[in-house]
């Protein structure tokens, strides 16, 4: 069996500015539980002040990695450095890292201000300093008037704010957040996302956030670490991961997309850029091309629904050198936008989008024509190149 993750020289990092400070360095971390390998040779450098999100499906290893950073798990191999100090075997309470959990973990017999100040009390701060800092962070999470209440009298969102204030009050080097919004309803979750972003930017604290929600990851992060089977599939900015996925898995996991297998028929130059005519199950299309893809055995095109132009009149479509045709088979209303499913003659179904209220969606069975810009679709491989070569 090929180990796609084995590569001692592979480390994810950002392009460092001259003043950038690496606050956390994870080097070659592997974690096994019995014969089950949960993490495989993970390496990552985190700069001070970043908002890093560990994103992935259940069982991909993201929570295990968070627990290793917190000191709640010890790696089977590899090391963890905080501000240049090896903390791999340092106890959780001896590393300046705090965690916010999904279940809040508040003390029910303590008031809000006592909960927020608890960590400071344990560290030996005097009563005056405890109250000053507790009030400062309660103000930051906009709960100034709640300090004398008890957890039983708070809503889920308020409890999560208290837990966040408590974790920040000791001013940790890194704040770890383990799916903290999962128990909240959609509207409150969106509000808390905005608050988390504001608080992280205000404090400058390094956040490492675990979620399976791609919307949260795209909205909150300075970088996303998309995990798959114990490895990093791609580590990049939200914009780059969405627009330039490095593998079929990334393209399919982040956002909605149409994935089509492709075979190169012809390469050609147009305005000093290389393009290719590709044969797909849906028909012949054109895509901006990179000669490096020649070495890939299995090619796919990722086409986002919002990049597809469609119309019942083919003459009204932009001229990108190709058009496909099909019939509308379904229409999904999603509030501010709609999704339409278009089935081609050979049975391939594309999903395109339309702005609700601006576009009149024809009924099922209507013939439509569609196309997309060759520079907006992305050619991806079955697995990213570094995994094929034994990377990550």
Protein backbone atom coordinates (compact mmCIF):
# COMPACT_ATOMS: atom_id res chain seq x y z
CA UNK A 1 0.00 0.00 0.00
CA UNK A 2 1.33 3.44 -0.99
CA UNK A 3 1.72 5.92 1.87
CA UNK A 4 0.56 9.15 0.28
CA UNK A 5 1.51 11.16 3.36
CA UNK A 6 5.15 10.15 3.75
CA UNK A 7 7.44 13.05 2.94
CA UNK A 8 9.91 14.23 5.55
CA UNK A 9 10.62 17.47 3.75
CA UNK A 10 7.04 18.66 3.35
CA UNK A 11 5.95 21.51 5.65
CA UNK A 12 2.97 23.82 5.17
CA UNK A 13 3.77 27.46 5.77
CA UNK A 14 2.72 30.94 4.79
CA UNK A 15 4.81 33.43 2.88
CA UNK A 16 6.50 35.10 5.79
CA UNK A 17 6.99 38.82 6.02
CA UNK A 18 10.22 40.02 7.57
CA UNK A 19 8.47 40.71 10.87
CA UNK A 20 6.38 37.52 10.95
CA UNK A 21 6.65 35.43 14.12
CA UNK A 22 6.07 31.70 14.10
CA UNK A 23 4.11 31.03 17.26
CA UNK A 24 3.37 27.32 16.68
CA UNK A 25 5.36 24.73 14.79
CA UNK A 26 4.06 21.19 14.28
CA UNK A 27 6.76 18.91 12.92
CA UNK A 28 6.09 15.44 11.51
CA UNK A 29 3.28 14.56 13.92
CA UNK A 30 1.76 11.10 13.62
CA UNK A 31 -0.86 9.71 16.00
CA UNK A 32 -1.86 6.07 16.29
CA UNK A 33 -4.52 4.44 18.42
CA UNK A 34 -3.59 0.78 18.33
CA UNK A 35 -3.27 -0.18 14.66
CA UNK A 36 -5.32 2.82 13.52
CA UNK A 37 -3.30 5.78 12.22
CA UNK A 38 -5.34 8.94 12.85
CA UNK A 39 -2.70 11.52 11.85
CA UNK A 40 0.06 10.89 9.32
CA UNK A 41 3.20 13.01 9.31
CA UNK A 42 1.47 16.36 9.84
CA UNK A 43 3.64 19.50 9.63
CA UNK A 44 2.40 23.07 9.95
CA UNK A 45 3.74 26.49 10.91
CA UNK A 46 1.36 29.07 12.37
CA UNK A 47 2.13 32.76 12.58
CA UNK A 48 1.15 34.92 15.52
CA UNK A 49 -2.28 36.48 14.99
CA UNK A 50 -3.52 34.01 12.39
CA UNK A 51 -7.00 32.50 12.37
CA UNK A 52 -6.33 28.90 11.33
CA UNK A 53 -9.21 26.52 10.69
CA UNK A 54 -8.83 22.74 10.73
CA UNK A 55 -11.59 21.67 8.36
CA UNK A 56 -12.70 18.22 7.31
CA UNK A 57 -15.24 15.45 7.50
CA UNK A 58 -15.79 13.43 10.68
CA UNK A 59 -12.87 11.11 11.38
CA UNK A 60 -10.29 13.07 9.36
CA UNK A 61 -8.14 13.78 12.44
CA UNK A 62 -8.83 17.47 13.03
CA UNK A 63 -9.94 17.15 16.68
CA UNK A 64 -7.06 14.79 17.45
CA UNK A 65 -4.62 17.39 16.12
CA UNK A 66 -6.28 20.09 18.24
CA UNK A 67 -5.99 17.89 21.34
CA UNK A 68 -2.29 17.33 20.63
CA UNK A 69 -1.75 21.10 20.48
CA UNK A 70 -3.68 21.44 23.77
CA UNK A 71 -1.63 18.69 25.42
CA UNK A 72 -4.62 16.39 25.89
CA UNK A 73 -3.03 13.83 23.56
CA UNK A 74 0.63 12.97 22.96
CA UNK A 75 1.79 12.30 19.38
CA UNK A 76 3.12 8.84 18.54
CA UNK A 77 5.94 10.54 16.63
CA UNK A 78 6.84 14.15 15.89
CA UNK A 79 7.09 17.34 17.92
CA UNK A 80 5.10 20.47 18.80
CA UNK A 81 6.84 23.80 19.46
CA UNK A 82 5.24 26.89 21.04
CA UNK A 83 7.26 30.09 20.63
CA UNK A 84 10.27 27.91 19.79
CA UNK A 85 9.97 25.75 22.93
CA UNK A 86 9.32 22.02 22.60
CA UNK A 87 6.01 21.39 24.40
CA UNK A 88 5.36 17.90 23.02
CA UNK A 89 5.39 16.34 26.49
CA UNK A 90 4.43 19.41 28.53
CA UNK A 91 1.25 19.07 30.62
CA UNK A 92 -1.84 20.99 29.39
CA UNK A 93 -1.82 23.36 32.38
CA UNK A 94 1.86 24.19 31.80
CA UNK A 95 1.44 25.46 28.23
CA UNK A 96 -0.09 28.89 27.58
CA UNK A 97 -2.93 27.52 25.48
CA UNK A 98 -6.65 27.61 26.26
CA UNK A 99 -9.56 25.68 24.74
CA UNK A 100 -13.20 26.62 24.11
CA UNK A 101 -15.38 23.52 23.90
CA UNK A 102 -18.73 22.95 22.23
CA UNK A 103 -20.45 22.24 25.58
CA UNK A 104 -19.26 25.52 27.21
CA UNK A 105 -17.93 23.76 30.39
CA UNK A 106 -19.08 26.60 32.67
CA UNK A 107 -19.29 26.17 36.45
CA UNK A 108 -23.06 26.24 37.23
CA UNK A 109 -22.56 27.40 40.85
CA UNK A 110 -20.47 30.43 39.82
CA UNK A 111 -21.67 33.77 38.49
CA UNK A 112 -20.66 34.90 35.02
CA UNK A 113 -17.88 37.15 36.31
CA UNK A 114 -16.59 34.37 38.60
CA UNK A 115 -16.51 31.96 35.65
CA UNK A 116 -14.56 34.45 33.52
CA UNK A 117 -12.12 35.17 36.32
CA UNK A 118 -11.59 31.53 37.35
CA UNK A 119 -8.42 30.96 35.34
CA UNK A 120 -6.92 34.18 36.71
CA UNK A 121 -7.75 33.09 40.26
CA UNK A 122 -6.01 29.74 39.72
CA UNK A 123 -2.94 31.62 38.47
CA UNK A 124 -2.78 33.68 41.66
CA UNK A 125 -4.01 37.09 40.49
CA UNK A 126 -5.36 39.35 43.23
CA UNK A 127 -9.09 40.06 43.46
CA UNK A 128 -8.86 43.56 41.99
CA UNK A 129 -6.95 42.42 38.90
CA UNK A 130 -9.28 39.46 38.44
CA UNK A 131 -12.35 41.70 38.42
CA UNK A 132 -10.73 44.25 36.09
CA UNK A 133 -9.69 41.64 33.56
CA UNK A 134 -12.97 39.74 33.82
CA UNK A 135 -14.95 42.93 33.14
CA UNK A 136 -12.63 43.82 30.24
CA UNK A 137 -13.30 40.52 28.48
CA UNK A 138 -17.01 40.51 29.33
CA UNK A 139 -17.16 43.89 27.62
CA UNK A 140 -15.30 42.45 24.63
CA UNK A 141 -17.96 39.74 24.20
CA UNK A 142 -20.71 42.33 24.88
CA UNK A 143 -21.96 40.85 28.15
CA UNK A 144 -21.17 43.76 30.47
CA UNK A 145 -24.55 43.68 32.18
CA UNK A 146 -24.56 39.92 32.74
CA UNK A 147 -21.75 39.58 35.27
CA UNK A 148 -23.97 38.65 38.24
CA UNK A 149 -26.08 36.11 36.39
CA UNK A 150 -25.55 32.36 36.57
CA UNK A 151 -25.16 29.95 33.60
CA UNK A 152 -28.68 28.55 34.09
CA UNK A 153 -30.08 31.99 33.26
CA UNK A 154 -28.17 32.36 29.99
CA UNK A 155 -29.00 31.38 26.43
CA UNK A 156 -26.71 29.06 24.45
CA UNK A 157 -25.11 31.98 22.65
CA UNK A 158 -24.53 33.86 25.91
CA UNK A 159 -22.95 30.78 27.50
CA UNK A 160 -20.59 30.48 24.55
CA UNK A 161 -19.60 34.14 24.93
CA UNK A 162 -18.85 33.58 28.61
CA UNK A 163 -16.72 30.55 27.76
CA UNK A 164 -14.88 32.63 25.17
CA UNK A 165 -14.28 35.49 27.62
CA UNK A 166 -12.97 33.04 30.24
CA UNK A 167 -10.56 31.49 27.74
CA UNK A 168 -9.27 34.90 26.63
CA UNK A 169 -8.97 36.41 30.11
CA UNK A 170 -5.66 34.64 30.84
CA UNK A 171 -4.34 36.00 27.50
CA UNK A 172 -3.13 32.69 26.02
CA UNK A 173 -0.62 32.47 23.19
CA UNK A 174 -3.12 30.36 21.27
CA UNK A 175 -6.87 29.90 21.67
CA UNK A 176 -8.19 26.53 20.50
CA UNK A 177 -11.86 26.27 19.55
CA UNK A 178 -13.39 22.81 19.12
CA UNK A 179 -16.58 23.23 17.04
CA UNK A 180 -17.81 25.92 19.49
CA UNK A 181 -20.86 26.94 17.43
CA UNK A 182 -22.18 23.49 16.52
CA UNK A 183 -24.96 23.54 19.13
CA UNK A 184 -26.34 26.95 18.10
CA UNK A 185 -29.16 27.64 15.64
CA UNK A 186 -28.29 29.02 12.19
CA UNK A 187 -29.02 32.70 12.83
CA UNK A 188 -27.17 32.73 16.14
CA UNK A 189 -24.28 30.81 14.58
CA UNK A 190 -23.88 33.49 11.92
CA UNK A 191 -23.93 36.22 14.57
CA UNK A 192 -21.32 34.36 16.63
CA UNK A 193 -19.13 33.98 13.53
CA UNK A 194 -19.12 37.76 13.13
CA UNK A 195 -18.34 38.17 16.84
CA UNK A 196 -15.50 35.63 16.74
CA UNK A 197 -13.92 37.41 13.80
CA UNK A 198 -14.21 40.79 15.52
CA UNK A 199 -12.82 39.48 18.82
CA UNK A 200 -9.90 37.71 17.14
CA UNK A 201 -8.98 40.84 15.20
CA UNK A 202 -9.38 43.06 18.28
CA UNK A 203 -7.21 40.92 20.57
CA UNK A 204 -4.70 39.73 17.96
CA UNK A 205 -4.82 36.29 19.61
CA UNK A 206 -3.91 33.30 17.43
CA UNK A 207 -7.04 31.19 16.93
CA UNK A 208 -7.01 27.54 15.83
CA UNK A 209 -10.56 26.50 15.06
CA UNK A 210 -12.01 23.04 14.36
CA UNK A 211 -15.13 22.65 12.25
CA UNK A 212 -16.74 20.47 9.59
CA UNK A 213 -18.73 23.49 8.36
CA UNK A 214 -17.12 24.83 5.18
CA UNK A 215 -19.13 28.08 5.42
CA UNK A 216 -17.62 28.84 8.83
CA UNK A 217 -14.15 28.04 7.54
CA UNK A 218 -14.47 30.29 4.48
CA UNK A 219 -15.94 33.14 6.53
CA UNK A 220 -13.57 33.12 9.51
CA UNK A 221 -10.15 31.94 8.45
CA UNK A 222 -6.93 33.57 7.37
CA UNK A 223 -5.89 30.04 6.30
CA UNK A 224 -7.76 26.76 6.05
CA UNK A 225 -6.13 23.37 6.63
CA UNK A 226 -8.41 20.97 4.77
CA UNK A 227 -7.86 17.50 6.18
CA UNK A 228 -8.54 14.12 4.60
CA UNK A 229 -7.69 10.72 6.10
CA UNK A 230 -5.20 12.12 8.61
CA UNK A 231 -3.37 14.32 6.10
CA UNK A 232 -3.53 17.91 4.91
CA UNK A 233 -5.14 17.86 1.48
CA UNK A 234 -4.54 21.61 1.03
CA UNK A 235 -3.47 24.49 3.29
CA UNK A 236 -4.21 27.91 1.87
CA UNK A 237 -6.32 31.06 2.11
CA UNK A 238 -10.11 30.64 1.77
CA UNK A 239 -10.02 32.41 -1.61
CA UNK A 240 -7.26 30.16 -2.97
CA UNK A 241 -8.87 26.96 -1.71
CA UNK A 242 -12.19 27.92 -3.31
CA UNK A 243 -10.83 29.21 -6.61
CA UNK A 244 -7.69 27.07 -6.99
CA UNK A 245 -8.32 23.64 -5.46
CA UNK A 246 -5.31 21.35 -5.70
CA UNK A 247 -7.27 18.12 -6.03
CA UNK A 248 -10.67 16.73 -6.90
CA UNK A 249 -11.33 16.17 -3.18
CA UNK A 250 -10.75 19.84 -2.35
CA UNK A 251 -12.88 21.09 -5.23
CA UNK A 252 -15.73 18.79 -4.24
CA UNK A 253 -15.53 19.44 -0.47
CA UNK A 254 -15.43 23.25 -0.59
CA UNK A 255 -18.62 24.79 -1.92
CA UNK A 256 -20.83 23.44 -4.69
CA UNK A 257 -19.21 22.37 -7.93
CA UNK A 258 -19.61 20.24 -11.04
CA UNK A 259 -16.84 17.66 -11.39
CA UNK A 260 -16.31 16.27 -14.89
CA UNK A 261 -13.70 13.75 -16.04
CA UNK A 262 -11.67 14.98 -19.01
CA UNK A 263 -9.24 13.83 -21.69
CA UNK A 264 -7.04 16.28 -23.59
CA UNK A 265 -7.82 16.37 -27.30
CA UNK A 266 -5.84 19.41 -28.50
CA UNK A 267 -3.61 22.12 -27.04
CA UNK A 268 -3.53 25.58 -28.59
CA UNK A 269 -2.33 29.12 -27.91
CA UNK A 270 -4.74 32.00 -27.66
CA UNK A 271 -3.52 35.51 -26.86
CA UNK A 272 -0.24 34.05 -25.57
CA UNK A 273 -1.99 31.73 -23.13
CA UNK A 274 -2.19 27.95 -23.39
CA UNK A 275 -5.63 26.40 -23.67
CA UNK A 276 -6.84 22.88 -24.36
CA UNK A 277 -9.84 21.34 -26.02
CA UNK A 278 -11.03 18.59 -23.69
CA UNK A 279 -13.33 15.66 -24.26
CA UNK A 280 -15.75 15.12 -21.36
CA UNK A 281 -18.85 12.92 -20.84
CA UNK A 282 -20.96 16.06 -21.36
CA UNK A 283 -19.27 17.11 -24.61
CA UNK A 284 -16.20 18.98 -25.83
CA UNK A 285 -15.15 21.99 -23.73
CA UNK A 286 -12.23 24.43 -23.55
CA UNK A 287 -10.10 25.00 -20.46
CA UNK A 288 -7.08 27.10 -19.61
CA UNK A 289 -4.29 24.58 -19.59
CA UNK A 290 -1.00 23.97 -17.82
CA UNK A 291 1.42 21.60 -19.54
CA UNK A 292 2.32 20.10 -16.15
CA UNK A 293 -1.03 18.28 -16.17
CA UNK A 294 0.31 15.95 -18.86
CA UNK A 295 1.84 13.77 -16.17
CA UNK A 296 -1.50 13.19 -14.47
CA UNK A 297 -3.35 10.00 -15.29
CA UNK A 298 -6.82 11.11 -14.18
CA UNK A 299 -7.95 14.65 -14.99
CA UNK A 300 -11.11 16.41 -13.87
CA UNK A 301 -12.63 19.84 -14.43
CA UNK A 302 -14.24 21.70 -11.54
CA UNK A 303 -16.93 24.15 -12.69
CA UNK A 304 -18.66 26.23 -10.02
CA UNK A 305 -22.44 26.73 -10.54
CA UNK A 306 -22.10 30.52 -10.36
CA UNK A 307 -19.64 30.54 -13.30
CA UNK A 308 -22.09 28.86 -15.70
CA UNK A 309 -23.95 31.07 -18.19
CA UNK A 310 -27.23 29.56 -19.38
CA UNK A 311 -30.09 30.69 -21.57
CA UNK A 312 -32.93 29.32 -23.65
CA UNK A 313 -31.52 31.34 -26.57
CA UNK A 314 -28.00 30.22 -27.55
CA UNK A 315 -27.32 33.52 -29.31
CA UNK A 316 -27.44 35.33 -25.95
CA UNK A 317 -24.56 33.33 -24.43
CA UNK A 318 -21.00 34.72 -24.37
CA UNK A 319 -18.69 33.25 -27.02
CA UNK A 320 -16.13 31.09 -25.21
CA UNK A 321 -15.59 28.71 -28.12
CA UNK A 322 -18.00 26.01 -26.97
CA UNK A 323 -21.59 25.51 -25.92
CA UNK A 324 -23.40 22.56 -24.37
CA UNK A 325 -27.11 21.90 -24.45
CA UNK A 326 -29.57 20.05 -22.28
CA UNK A 327 -32.94 20.18 -20.50
CA UNK A 328 -33.86 21.62 -17.13
CA UNK A 329 -34.75 18.69 -14.87
CA UNK A 330 -34.99 20.36 -11.46
CA UNK A 331 -35.08 23.72 -9.69
CA UNK A 332 -33.96 24.31 -6.09
CA UNK A 333 -35.01 27.57 -4.42
CA UNK A 334 -32.51 28.66 -1.73
CA UNK A 335 -33.73 32.13 -0.81
CA UNK A 336 -31.44 34.75 -2.35
CA UNK A 337 -30.40 32.39 -5.14
CA UNK A 338 -31.64 29.31 -6.95
CA UNK A 339 -29.99 26.19 -8.32
CA UNK A 340 -31.08 24.60 -11.56
CA UNK A 341 -30.13 21.12 -12.74
CA UNK A 342 -29.48 20.76 -16.47
CA UNK A 343 -29.21 17.27 -17.93
CA UNK A 344 -27.28 16.80 -21.17
CA UNK A 345 -28.32 14.29 -23.84
CA UNK A 346 -25.95 11.63 -22.53
CA UNK A 347 -27.28 11.91 -18.97
CA UNK A 348 -24.67 14.15 -17.31
CA UNK A 349 -26.32 16.63 -14.90
CA UNK A 350 -24.85 20.11 -14.37
CA UNK A 351 -25.91 22.44 -11.57
CA UNK A 352 -26.02 26.14 -12.44
CA UNK A 353 -27.12 29.09 -10.31
CA UNK A 354 -29.43 32.05 -10.74
CA UNK A 355 -30.19 35.11 -8.61
CA UNK A 356 -33.71 34.79 -7.20
CA UNK A 357 -36.04 37.57 -8.37
CA UNK A 358 -33.82 38.52 -11.31
CA UNK A 359 -33.95 35.32 -13.31
CA UNK A 360 -37.17 33.65 -14.42
CA UNK A 361 -36.54 29.91 -14.11
CA UNK A 362 -38.11 27.98 -16.99
CA UNK A 363 -40.11 24.87 -16.08
CA UNK A 364 -38.66 21.36 -16.11
CA UNK A 365 -38.29 19.98 -19.62
CA UNK A 366 -37.24 23.33 -21.14
CA UNK A 367 -34.29 23.18 -23.58
CA UNK A 368 -31.38 25.39 -22.50
CA UNK A 369 -27.85 26.11 -23.67
CA UNK A 370 -24.92 26.82 -21.39
CA UNK A 371 -21.21 27.60 -21.31
CA UNK A 372 -18.53 28.96 -18.98
CA UNK A 373 -15.30 30.89 -19.23
CA UNK A 374 -12.26 28.63 -19.80
CA UNK A 375 -10.35 30.67 -17.22
CA UNK A 376 -12.98 30.18 -14.48
CA UNK A 377 -13.05 26.40 -14.54
CA UNK A 378 -10.20 24.56 -12.83
CA UNK A 379 -8.37 21.48 -14.03
CA UNK A 380 -7.71 19.18 -11.06
CA UNK A 381 -6.18 15.78 -10.49
CA UNK A 382 -7.69 12.81 -8.66
CA UNK A 383 -5.18 13.43 -5.86
CA UNK A 384 -2.94 16.43 -5.43
CA UNK A 385 0.55 16.04 -6.85
CA UNK A 386 2.40 15.87 -3.54
CA UNK A 387 0.18 12.98 -2.41
CA UNK A 388 0.89 11.13 -5.66
CA UNK A 389 4.60 11.57 -5.06
CA UNK A 390 4.31 10.52 -1.41
CA UNK A 391 3.82 14.01 -0.01
CA UNK A 392 1.96 15.43 2.97
